[in-house]
N, C-alpha and C. Protein backbone atom coordinates (compact mmCIF):
# COMPACT_ATOMS: atom_id res chain seq x y z
N UNK A 1 -58.23 3.53 -69.86
CA UNK A 1 -58.53 3.77 -68.46
C UNK A 1 -58.35 2.45 -67.70
N UNK A 2 -58.05 2.60 -66.42
CA UNK A 2 -57.91 1.44 -65.55
C UNK A 2 -58.86 1.58 -64.37
N UNK A 3 -59.40 0.46 -63.97
CA UNK A 3 -60.23 0.38 -62.79
C UNK A 3 -59.36 -0.22 -61.70
N UNK A 4 -59.06 0.59 -60.67
CA UNK A 4 -58.29 0.10 -59.54
C UNK A 4 -59.25 -0.52 -58.54
N UNK A 5 -58.94 -1.73 -58.12
CA UNK A 5 -59.73 -2.40 -57.11
C UNK A 5 -58.85 -2.47 -55.87
N UNK A 6 -59.32 -1.82 -54.81
CA UNK A 6 -58.51 -1.66 -53.61
C UNK A 6 -59.42 -1.64 -52.39
N UNK A 7 -59.16 -2.49 -51.43
CA UNK A 7 -59.90 -2.54 -50.17
C UNK A 7 -61.41 -2.64 -50.38
N UNK A 8 -61.81 -3.42 -51.38
CA UNK A 8 -63.22 -3.65 -51.63
C UNK A 8 -63.95 -2.55 -52.39
N UNK A 9 -63.22 -1.54 -52.83
CA UNK A 9 -63.82 -0.45 -53.60
C UNK A 9 -63.14 -0.36 -54.96
N UNK A 10 -63.80 0.35 -55.89
CA UNK A 10 -63.27 0.51 -57.24
C UNK A 10 -63.06 1.99 -57.54
N UNK A 11 -61.95 2.29 -58.22
CA UNK A 11 -61.56 3.65 -58.55
C UNK A 11 -61.13 3.70 -60.00
N UNK A 12 -61.70 4.61 -60.77
CA UNK A 12 -61.36 4.76 -62.17
C UNK A 12 -60.28 5.82 -62.31
N UNK A 13 -59.20 5.47 -63.00
CA UNK A 13 -58.11 6.43 -63.22
C UNK A 13 -57.44 6.11 -64.56
N UNK A 14 -56.48 6.92 -64.93
CA UNK A 14 -55.77 6.73 -66.19
C UNK A 14 -54.78 5.57 -66.13
N UNK A 15 -54.47 5.02 -67.29
CA UNK A 15 -53.56 3.88 -67.38
C UNK A 15 -52.21 4.17 -66.72
N UNK A 16 -51.58 5.27 -67.10
CA UNK A 16 -50.25 5.58 -66.57
C UNK A 16 -50.28 5.81 -65.07
N UNK A 17 -51.33 6.44 -64.58
CA UNK A 17 -51.46 6.70 -63.14
C UNK A 17 -51.59 5.39 -62.39
N UNK A 18 -52.47 4.51 -62.87
CA UNK A 18 -52.69 3.23 -62.21
C UNK A 18 -51.42 2.39 -62.18
N UNK A 19 -50.72 2.32 -63.30
CA UNK A 19 -49.52 1.50 -63.36
C UNK A 19 -48.41 2.08 -62.48
N UNK A 20 -48.31 3.41 -62.42
CA UNK A 20 -47.32 4.03 -61.54
C UNK A 20 -47.63 3.72 -60.08
N UNK A 21 -48.91 3.74 -59.71
CA UNK A 21 -49.30 3.42 -58.34
C UNK A 21 -48.96 1.96 -58.00
N UNK A 22 -49.27 1.04 -58.88
CA UNK A 22 -48.96 -0.38 -58.65
C UNK A 22 -47.45 -0.58 -58.57
N UNK A 23 -46.70 0.03 -59.47
CA UNK A 23 -45.24 -0.11 -59.45
C UNK A 23 -44.65 0.47 -58.17
N UNK A 24 -45.17 1.62 -57.73
CA UNK A 24 -44.66 2.24 -56.51
C UNK A 24 -44.98 1.37 -55.30
N UNK A 25 -46.15 0.78 -55.29
CA UNK A 25 -46.51 -0.13 -54.19
C UNK A 25 -45.53 -1.29 -54.13
N UNK A 26 -45.18 -1.82 -55.28
CA UNK A 26 -44.22 -2.93 -55.33
C UNK A 26 -42.85 -2.47 -54.82
N UNK A 27 -42.43 -1.27 -55.22
CA UNK A 27 -41.13 -0.75 -54.78
C UNK A 27 -41.11 -0.56 -53.27
N UNK A 28 -42.19 -0.03 -52.71
CA UNK A 28 -42.27 0.14 -51.26
C UNK A 28 -42.22 -1.21 -50.55
N UNK A 29 -42.93 -2.18 -51.10
CA UNK A 29 -42.94 -3.52 -50.51
C UNK A 29 -41.54 -4.13 -50.50
N UNK A 30 -40.77 -3.86 -51.55
CA UNK A 30 -39.44 -4.45 -51.63
C UNK A 30 -38.49 -3.92 -50.56
N UNK A 31 -38.79 -2.75 -50.01
CA UNK A 31 -37.95 -2.21 -48.93
C UNK A 31 -38.68 -2.24 -47.59
N UNK A 32 -39.86 -2.86 -47.56
CA UNK A 32 -40.57 -3.09 -46.31
C UNK A 32 -41.16 -1.86 -45.66
N UNK A 33 -41.66 -0.93 -46.46
CA UNK A 33 -42.27 0.27 -45.90
C UNK A 33 -43.57 0.59 -46.62
N UNK A 34 -44.31 1.54 -46.09
CA UNK A 34 -45.58 1.93 -46.69
C UNK A 34 -45.68 3.45 -46.74
N UNK A 35 -46.59 3.93 -47.55
CA UNK A 35 -46.77 5.38 -47.69
C UNK A 35 -48.18 5.65 -48.19
N UNK A 36 -48.71 6.80 -47.84
CA UNK A 36 -49.99 7.25 -48.38
C UNK A 36 -49.72 8.04 -49.65
N UNK A 37 -50.52 7.78 -50.68
CA UNK A 37 -50.35 8.42 -51.98
C UNK A 37 -51.71 8.89 -52.48
N UNK A 38 -51.77 10.14 -52.90
CA UNK A 38 -53.01 10.68 -53.46
C UNK A 38 -52.91 10.70 -54.99
N UNK A 39 -53.93 10.16 -55.64
CA UNK A 39 -53.96 10.16 -57.10
C UNK A 39 -55.30 10.68 -57.59
N UNK A 40 -55.33 11.19 -58.81
CA UNK A 40 -56.61 11.63 -59.38
C UNK A 40 -57.45 10.44 -59.82
N UNK A 41 -58.75 10.57 -59.63
CA UNK A 41 -59.69 9.53 -60.07
C UNK A 41 -60.85 10.19 -60.79
N UNK A 42 -61.61 9.39 -61.51
CA UNK A 42 -62.82 9.85 -62.17
C UNK A 42 -63.99 9.35 -61.33
N UNK A 43 -64.83 10.29 -60.87
CA UNK A 43 -66.01 9.93 -60.08
C UNK A 43 -67.05 9.28 -60.99
N UNK A 44 -68.03 8.62 -60.40
CA UNK A 44 -69.06 7.93 -61.17
C UNK A 44 -69.86 8.88 -62.06
N UNK A 45 -69.99 10.14 -61.64
CA UNK A 45 -70.73 11.11 -62.45
C UNK A 45 -69.86 11.75 -63.54
N UNK A 46 -68.60 11.32 -63.66
CA UNK A 46 -67.70 11.83 -64.69
C UNK A 46 -66.81 12.97 -64.23
N UNK A 47 -67.06 13.50 -63.05
CA UNK A 47 -66.24 14.61 -62.56
C UNK A 47 -64.90 14.10 -62.05
N UNK A 48 -63.97 15.03 -61.92
CA UNK A 48 -62.64 14.70 -61.42
C UNK A 48 -62.66 14.68 -59.90
N UNK A 49 -61.92 13.76 -59.33
CA UNK A 49 -61.79 13.66 -57.89
C UNK A 49 -60.41 13.16 -57.55
N UNK A 50 -60.22 12.80 -56.30
CA UNK A 50 -58.95 12.21 -55.90
C UNK A 50 -59.22 11.19 -54.80
N UNK A 51 -58.27 10.30 -54.63
CA UNK A 51 -58.35 9.28 -53.59
C UNK A 51 -56.96 9.06 -53.03
N UNK A 52 -56.91 8.77 -51.74
CA UNK A 52 -55.64 8.50 -51.07
C UNK A 52 -55.56 7.00 -50.80
N UNK A 53 -54.45 6.41 -51.21
CA UNK A 53 -54.21 4.98 -51.04
C UNK A 53 -53.03 4.78 -50.11
N UNK A 54 -53.15 3.85 -49.19
CA UNK A 54 -52.03 3.42 -48.37
C UNK A 54 -51.41 2.24 -49.10
N UNK A 55 -50.19 2.42 -49.60
CA UNK A 55 -49.53 1.39 -50.38
C UNK A 55 -48.25 0.95 -49.71
N UNK A 56 -47.92 -0.31 -49.90
CA UNK A 56 -46.71 -0.86 -49.31
C UNK A 56 -46.75 -2.37 -49.31
N UNK A 57 -46.09 -3.00 -48.32
CA UNK A 57 -45.94 -4.45 -48.31
C UNK A 57 -47.24 -5.25 -48.33
N UNK A 58 -48.28 -4.75 -47.70
CA UNK A 58 -49.51 -5.54 -47.65
C UNK A 58 -50.59 -5.04 -48.61
N UNK A 59 -50.23 -4.15 -49.52
CA UNK A 59 -51.20 -3.63 -50.48
C UNK A 59 -51.66 -4.71 -51.43
N UNK A 60 -52.95 -4.74 -51.65
CA UNK A 60 -53.52 -5.66 -52.62
C UNK A 60 -54.32 -4.82 -53.60
N UNK A 61 -53.67 -4.42 -54.67
CA UNK A 61 -54.26 -3.55 -55.68
C UNK A 61 -54.35 -4.31 -56.99
N UNK A 62 -55.49 -4.22 -57.62
CA UNK A 62 -55.68 -4.78 -58.95
C UNK A 62 -55.96 -3.62 -59.89
N UNK A 63 -55.27 -3.56 -61.01
CA UNK A 63 -55.51 -2.55 -62.04
C UNK A 63 -56.08 -3.27 -63.26
N UNK A 64 -57.35 -3.06 -63.52
CA UNK A 64 -58.06 -3.77 -64.58
C UNK A 64 -58.40 -2.80 -65.70
N UNK A 65 -58.09 -3.19 -66.94
CA UNK A 65 -58.43 -2.35 -68.09
C UNK A 65 -59.94 -2.24 -68.23
N UNK A 66 -60.40 -1.06 -68.59
CA UNK A 66 -61.82 -0.85 -68.78
C UNK A 66 -62.03 0.22 -69.85
N UNK A 67 -63.18 0.19 -70.46
CA UNK A 67 -63.55 1.21 -71.45
C UNK A 67 -64.79 1.90 -70.92
N UNK A 68 -64.65 3.16 -70.66
CA UNK A 68 -65.77 3.95 -70.16
C UNK A 68 -66.26 4.83 -71.29
N UNK A 69 -67.46 4.57 -71.77
CA UNK A 69 -68.02 5.37 -72.86
C UNK A 69 -68.14 6.83 -72.46
N UNK A 70 -67.65 7.69 -73.33
CA UNK A 70 -67.75 9.13 -73.09
C UNK A 70 -66.75 9.68 -72.10
N UNK A 71 -65.86 8.85 -71.59
CA UNK A 71 -64.86 9.30 -70.61
C UNK A 71 -63.51 9.46 -71.29
N UNK A 72 -62.93 10.64 -71.17
CA UNK A 72 -61.58 10.86 -71.66
C UNK A 72 -60.58 10.21 -70.72
N UNK A 73 -59.47 9.76 -71.28
CA UNK A 73 -58.40 9.18 -70.47
C UNK A 73 -57.96 10.21 -69.44
N UNK A 74 -57.88 9.79 -68.19
CA UNK A 74 -57.42 10.67 -67.11
C UNK A 74 -55.90 10.68 -67.14
N UNK A 75 -55.32 11.86 -67.30
CA UNK A 75 -53.87 12.01 -67.43
C UNK A 75 -53.40 13.02 -66.39
N UNK A 76 -52.34 12.67 -65.67
CA UNK A 76 -51.70 13.59 -64.74
C UNK A 76 -50.22 13.26 -64.72
N UNK A 77 -49.49 13.87 -65.63
CA UNK A 77 -48.06 13.59 -65.77
C UNK A 77 -47.28 13.95 -64.51
N UNK A 78 -47.73 14.95 -63.77
CA UNK A 78 -47.03 15.36 -62.55
C UNK A 78 -47.11 14.24 -61.50
N UNK A 79 -48.28 13.66 -61.31
CA UNK A 79 -48.45 12.57 -60.35
C UNK A 79 -47.62 11.36 -60.78
N UNK A 80 -47.67 11.01 -62.04
CA UNK A 80 -46.91 9.86 -62.54
C UNK A 80 -45.42 10.08 -62.32
N UNK A 81 -44.92 11.26 -62.66
CA UNK A 81 -43.49 11.53 -62.48
C UNK A 81 -43.11 11.55 -61.01
N UNK A 82 -43.98 12.06 -60.16
CA UNK A 82 -43.70 12.07 -58.72
C UNK A 82 -43.57 10.64 -58.19
N UNK A 83 -44.47 9.76 -58.61
CA UNK A 83 -44.39 8.36 -58.17
C UNK A 83 -43.14 7.69 -58.72
N UNK A 84 -42.81 7.95 -59.98
CA UNK A 84 -41.60 7.36 -60.57
C UNK A 84 -40.34 7.87 -59.87
N UNK A 85 -40.31 9.16 -59.50
CA UNK A 85 -39.16 9.73 -58.79
C UNK A 85 -39.01 9.08 -57.42
N UNK A 86 -40.12 8.84 -56.75
CA UNK A 86 -40.06 8.17 -55.45
C UNK A 86 -39.53 6.75 -55.61
N UNK A 87 -39.92 6.08 -56.69
CA UNK A 87 -39.41 4.73 -56.94
C UNK A 87 -37.91 4.75 -57.16
N UNK A 88 -37.45 5.74 -57.93
CA UNK A 88 -36.01 5.82 -58.20
C UNK A 88 -35.23 6.04 -56.90
N UNK A 89 -35.79 6.80 -55.97
CA UNK A 89 -35.11 7.01 -54.69
C UNK A 89 -35.03 5.72 -53.88
N UNK A 90 -36.04 4.88 -54.02
CA UNK A 90 -36.03 3.61 -53.30
C UNK A 90 -35.08 2.60 -53.92
N UNK A 91 -34.90 2.70 -55.22
CA UNK A 91 -34.06 1.75 -55.96
C UNK A 91 -32.99 2.51 -56.74
N UNK A 92 -31.96 3.00 -56.06
CA UNK A 92 -30.90 3.71 -56.80
C UNK A 92 -30.31 2.83 -57.89
N UNK A 93 -29.99 3.42 -59.01
CA UNK A 93 -29.41 2.68 -60.12
C UNK A 93 -27.99 2.26 -59.76
N UNK A 94 -27.57 1.09 -60.22
CA UNK A 94 -26.20 0.65 -59.95
C UNK A 94 -25.20 1.66 -60.50
N UNK A 95 -24.19 1.92 -59.73
CA UNK A 95 -23.17 2.89 -60.12
C UNK A 95 -22.11 2.21 -60.97
N UNK A 96 -21.36 3.02 -61.66
CA UNK A 96 -20.20 2.55 -62.38
C UNK A 96 -19.24 1.97 -61.33
N UNK A 97 -18.89 0.69 -61.42
CA UNK A 97 -18.07 0.07 -60.38
C UNK A 97 -16.71 0.73 -60.21
N UNK A 98 -16.24 1.47 -61.20
CA UNK A 98 -14.96 2.14 -61.09
C UNK A 98 -15.06 3.51 -60.45
N UNK A 99 -16.24 3.90 -60.04
CA UNK A 99 -16.46 5.24 -59.51
C UNK A 99 -17.02 5.17 -58.09
N UNK A 100 -16.52 6.00 -57.21
CA UNK A 100 -17.05 6.07 -55.85
C UNK A 100 -18.22 7.04 -55.84
N UNK A 101 -19.22 6.74 -55.04
CA UNK A 101 -20.38 7.61 -54.92
C UNK A 101 -20.50 8.06 -53.48
N UNK A 102 -20.71 9.34 -53.29
CA UNK A 102 -20.95 9.90 -51.97
C UNK A 102 -22.45 10.09 -51.83
N UNK A 103 -23.12 9.14 -51.15
CA UNK A 103 -24.57 9.20 -51.01
C UNK A 103 -24.92 10.26 -49.97
N UNK A 104 -25.72 11.21 -50.39
CA UNK A 104 -26.22 12.24 -49.48
C UNK A 104 -27.62 11.81 -49.06
N UNK A 105 -27.71 11.12 -47.93
CA UNK A 105 -28.99 10.58 -47.48
C UNK A 105 -29.99 11.67 -47.13
N UNK A 106 -29.52 12.85 -46.77
CA UNK A 106 -30.44 13.94 -46.46
C UNK A 106 -31.17 14.43 -47.70
N UNK A 107 -30.60 14.22 -48.88
CA UNK A 107 -31.22 14.65 -50.12
C UNK A 107 -32.36 13.73 -50.53
N UNK A 108 -32.38 12.53 -49.98
CA UNK A 108 -33.43 11.59 -50.33
C UNK A 108 -34.64 11.90 -49.52
């Protein structure tokens, strides 16, 4: 589990979720934009919840490893994949230099 420290508050979430959020924040910063992102969190009473983070160029997020007794790792593969897909759209992979690419900006 990771403890996200953001805007003076702490949020408990899964390792993959936290790292995807931090990576996406970095990707947004690299293109000079920001976005609101909702991720699942574990509430203090152990129940599931969610939090919305504004991430981008001025985001200051710390993801700290933590061990919460009796807490199962929070996993949400859909959220992680959604964040990774958004990152890929921000950072298209280099094309084969011998091939022309027709970028469809409306698809992004």
